[in-house]
Amino acid sequence: MALALSSAAMVAAARARIEEIPAAEAVALLGRPDVVFVDLRDVRERERSGFIPGSFHCPRGMLEFWVDPESPYFKPVFAEEKRFVFHCASGWRSALAVATLQDMGFAASHIPEGFTGWVAAGGRVETKG
C-alpha cells in the first residue's frame, strides 16, 4: 500500500518550519534555570538508555493534552515561562511533536539528533530518577 505522505516526508516538512538546537548547543543549555528539556521517549527507552538530568518526561501520546491548559490532563510545567527543548531518540518524533505544538501556539524547539546526538556530543546522562 502506497501512502500519500511518508513519515520521512512529514519529518522533513516539520524540520523545515521549526527551531532546531543541535545537540552540541543543547548540551551547553543543561542546568540553565530558564530551560526545560522534555523527553518524549517511551519509559522503557529512558530506563534502557538513561535520560538528560532534570528532564521532564512526557510520553509522546500525551503531549497535546499535557500542554493544553483547557485539557483535564494539563501539566503545570508547560505554563512556566521557560524555553522548552524537546527530544526523542533520533529527532523524528520530536520534530513532529514540536511542529504540532507550533500549530497549537506553543513555542518550543527540538534536538534534531535526539538523545543519540546528546550522548555523542558528550551530554550528561542519568540512569536513575
Protein backbone atom coordinates (compact mmCIF):
# COMPACT_ATOMS: atom_id res chain seq x y z
CA MET A 1 0.00 0.00 0.00
CA ALA A 2 1.43 3.35 -1.00
CA LEU A 3 0.89 6.21 1.40
CA ALA A 4 0.03 9.71 0.24
CA LEU A 5 2.68 11.08 2.60
CA SER A 6 5.53 9.13 4.15
CA SER A 7 6.72 9.57 7.71
CA ALA A 8 10.09 10.75 6.38
CA ALA A 9 8.35 13.43 4.32
CA MET A 10 6.34 14.50 7.36
CA VAL A 11 9.52 14.82 9.43
CA ALA A 12 11.27 16.79 6.67
CA ALA A 13 8.33 19.19 6.42
CA ALA A 14 8.27 19.65 10.18
CA ARG A 15 12.03 20.28 10.35
CA ALA A 16 11.74 22.94 7.65
CA ARG A 17 9.49 25.06 9.85
CA ILE A 18 10.60 24.53 13.46
CA GLU A 19 13.52 25.66 15.57
CA GLU A 20 16.29 23.10 15.91
CA ILE A 21 19.05 23.22 18.50
CA PRO A 22 21.99 21.00 17.56
CA ALA A 23 22.94 18.53 20.28
CA ALA A 24 26.29 20.23 20.99
CA GLU A 25 24.49 23.54 21.62
CA ALA A 26 21.78 21.86 23.67
CA VAL A 27 24.41 20.30 25.95
CA ALA A 28 25.54 23.83 26.82
CA LEU A 29 21.99 24.69 27.97
CA LEU A 30 21.92 21.99 30.66
CA GLY A 31 21.50 23.46 34.11
CA ARG A 32 20.08 26.79 32.98
CA PRO A 33 17.04 27.60 35.11
CA ASP A 34 15.16 29.03 32.12
CA VAL A 35 15.38 25.82 30.04
CA VAL A 36 13.29 22.67 30.34
CA PHE A 37 14.33 19.56 28.43
CA VAL A 38 11.32 17.42 27.58
CA ASP A 39 11.86 13.74 26.84
CA LEU A 40 9.22 12.24 24.53
CA ARG A 41 10.62 8.72 24.56
CA ASP A 42 8.83 5.73 25.99
CA VAL A 43 9.60 4.99 29.64
CA ARG A 44 11.39 1.79 28.55
CA GLU A 45 13.76 3.81 26.38
CA ARG A 46 14.60 6.04 29.33
CA GLU A 47 15.19 3.02 31.56
CA ARG A 48 17.39 1.36 28.96
CA SER A 49 19.44 4.36 27.78
CA GLY A 50 19.20 6.89 30.59
CA PHE A 51 17.98 10.45 30.33
CA ILE A 52 19.08 14.08 30.39
CA PRO A 53 19.48 15.15 34.03
CA GLY A 54 16.46 17.14 35.18
CA SER A 55 14.48 16.43 32.02
CA PHE A 56 10.71 16.25 32.19
CA HIS A 57 9.26 13.03 30.83
CA CYS A 58 6.20 13.47 28.62
CA PRO A 59 5.12 10.42 26.63
CA ARG A 60 4.57 11.46 23.01
CA GLY A 61 0.97 10.26 23.06
CA MET A 62 0.05 12.66 25.86
CA LEU A 63 1.87 15.79 24.68
CA GLU A 64 -1.01 17.78 23.21
CA PHE A 65 -3.15 17.07 26.26
CA TRP A 66 -0.45 17.88 28.82
CA VAL A 67 0.37 21.20 27.10
CA ASP A 68 -3.23 22.39 26.71
CA PRO A 69 -4.38 24.35 29.80
CA GLU A 70 -8.00 23.52 28.94
CA SER A 71 -7.34 19.78 28.99
CA PRO A 72 -8.09 17.74 32.11
CA TYR A 73 -4.59 16.25 31.66
CA PHE A 74 -2.75 19.61 31.68
CA LYS A 75 0.65 19.64 33.42
CA PRO A 76 1.61 22.97 35.08
CA VAL A 77 5.24 22.68 33.95
CA PHE A 78 4.06 23.73 30.49
CA ALA A 79 2.67 27.02 31.86
CA GLU A 80 6.09 28.11 33.07
CA GLU A 81 7.83 30.99 31.28
CA LYS A 82 10.74 28.86 30.12
CA ARG A 83 12.41 27.67 26.96
CA PHE A 84 11.23 24.14 26.10
CA VAL A 85 13.63 21.85 24.24
CA PHE A 86 12.13 18.52 23.18
CA HIS A 87 13.89 15.34 22.20
CA CYS A 88 13.27 11.72 21.38
CA ALA A 89 15.82 9.07 20.43
CA SER A 90 16.75 10.29 16.95
CA GLY A 91 14.80 13.51 16.33
CA TRP A 92 11.87 12.22 14.29
CA ARG A 93 9.18 12.11 16.96
CA SER A 94 10.36 15.39 18.46
CA ALA A 95 10.27 17.15 15.07
CA LEU A 96 6.64 16.11 14.56
CA ALA A 97 5.80 16.98 18.16
CA VAL A 98 7.30 20.48 18.00
CA ALA A 99 5.54 21.17 14.69
CA THR A 100 2.26 20.18 16.32
CA LEU A 101 2.99 22.40 19.32
CA GLN A 102 3.80 25.27 16.99
CA ASP A 103 0.40 24.76 15.34
CA MET A 104 -1.15 24.93 18.82
CA GLY A 105 0.64 28.23 19.55
CA PHE A 106 3.15 26.76 22.00
CA ALA A 107 6.77 27.85 21.48
CA ALA A 108 9.29 25.01 21.54
CA SER A 109 12.38 23.68 19.83
CA HIS A 110 13.96 20.25 19.48
CA ILE A 111 17.29 18.47 19.28
CA PRO A 112 17.44 17.16 15.68
CA GLU A 113 19.89 14.37 16.54
CA GLY A 114 17.82 13.32 19.54
CA PHE A 115 19.14 11.63 22.65
CA THR A 116 21.61 9.72 20.50
CA GLY A 117 23.16 13.02 19.43
CA TRP A 118 23.11 14.28 23.01
CA VAL A 119 25.20 11.31 24.11
CA ALA A 120 27.55 11.66 21.11
CA ALA A 121 28.05 15.35 21.98
CA GLY A 122 29.19 14.39 25.48
CA GLY A 123 25.96 15.37 27.24
CA ARG A 124 25.49 14.16 30.79
CA VAL A 125 23.17 11.19 31.28
CA GLU A 126 21.44 9.91 34.39
CA THR A 127 20.25 6.35 34.74
CA LYS A 128 18.10 6.54 37.86
CA GLY A 129 15.49 9.07 38.72
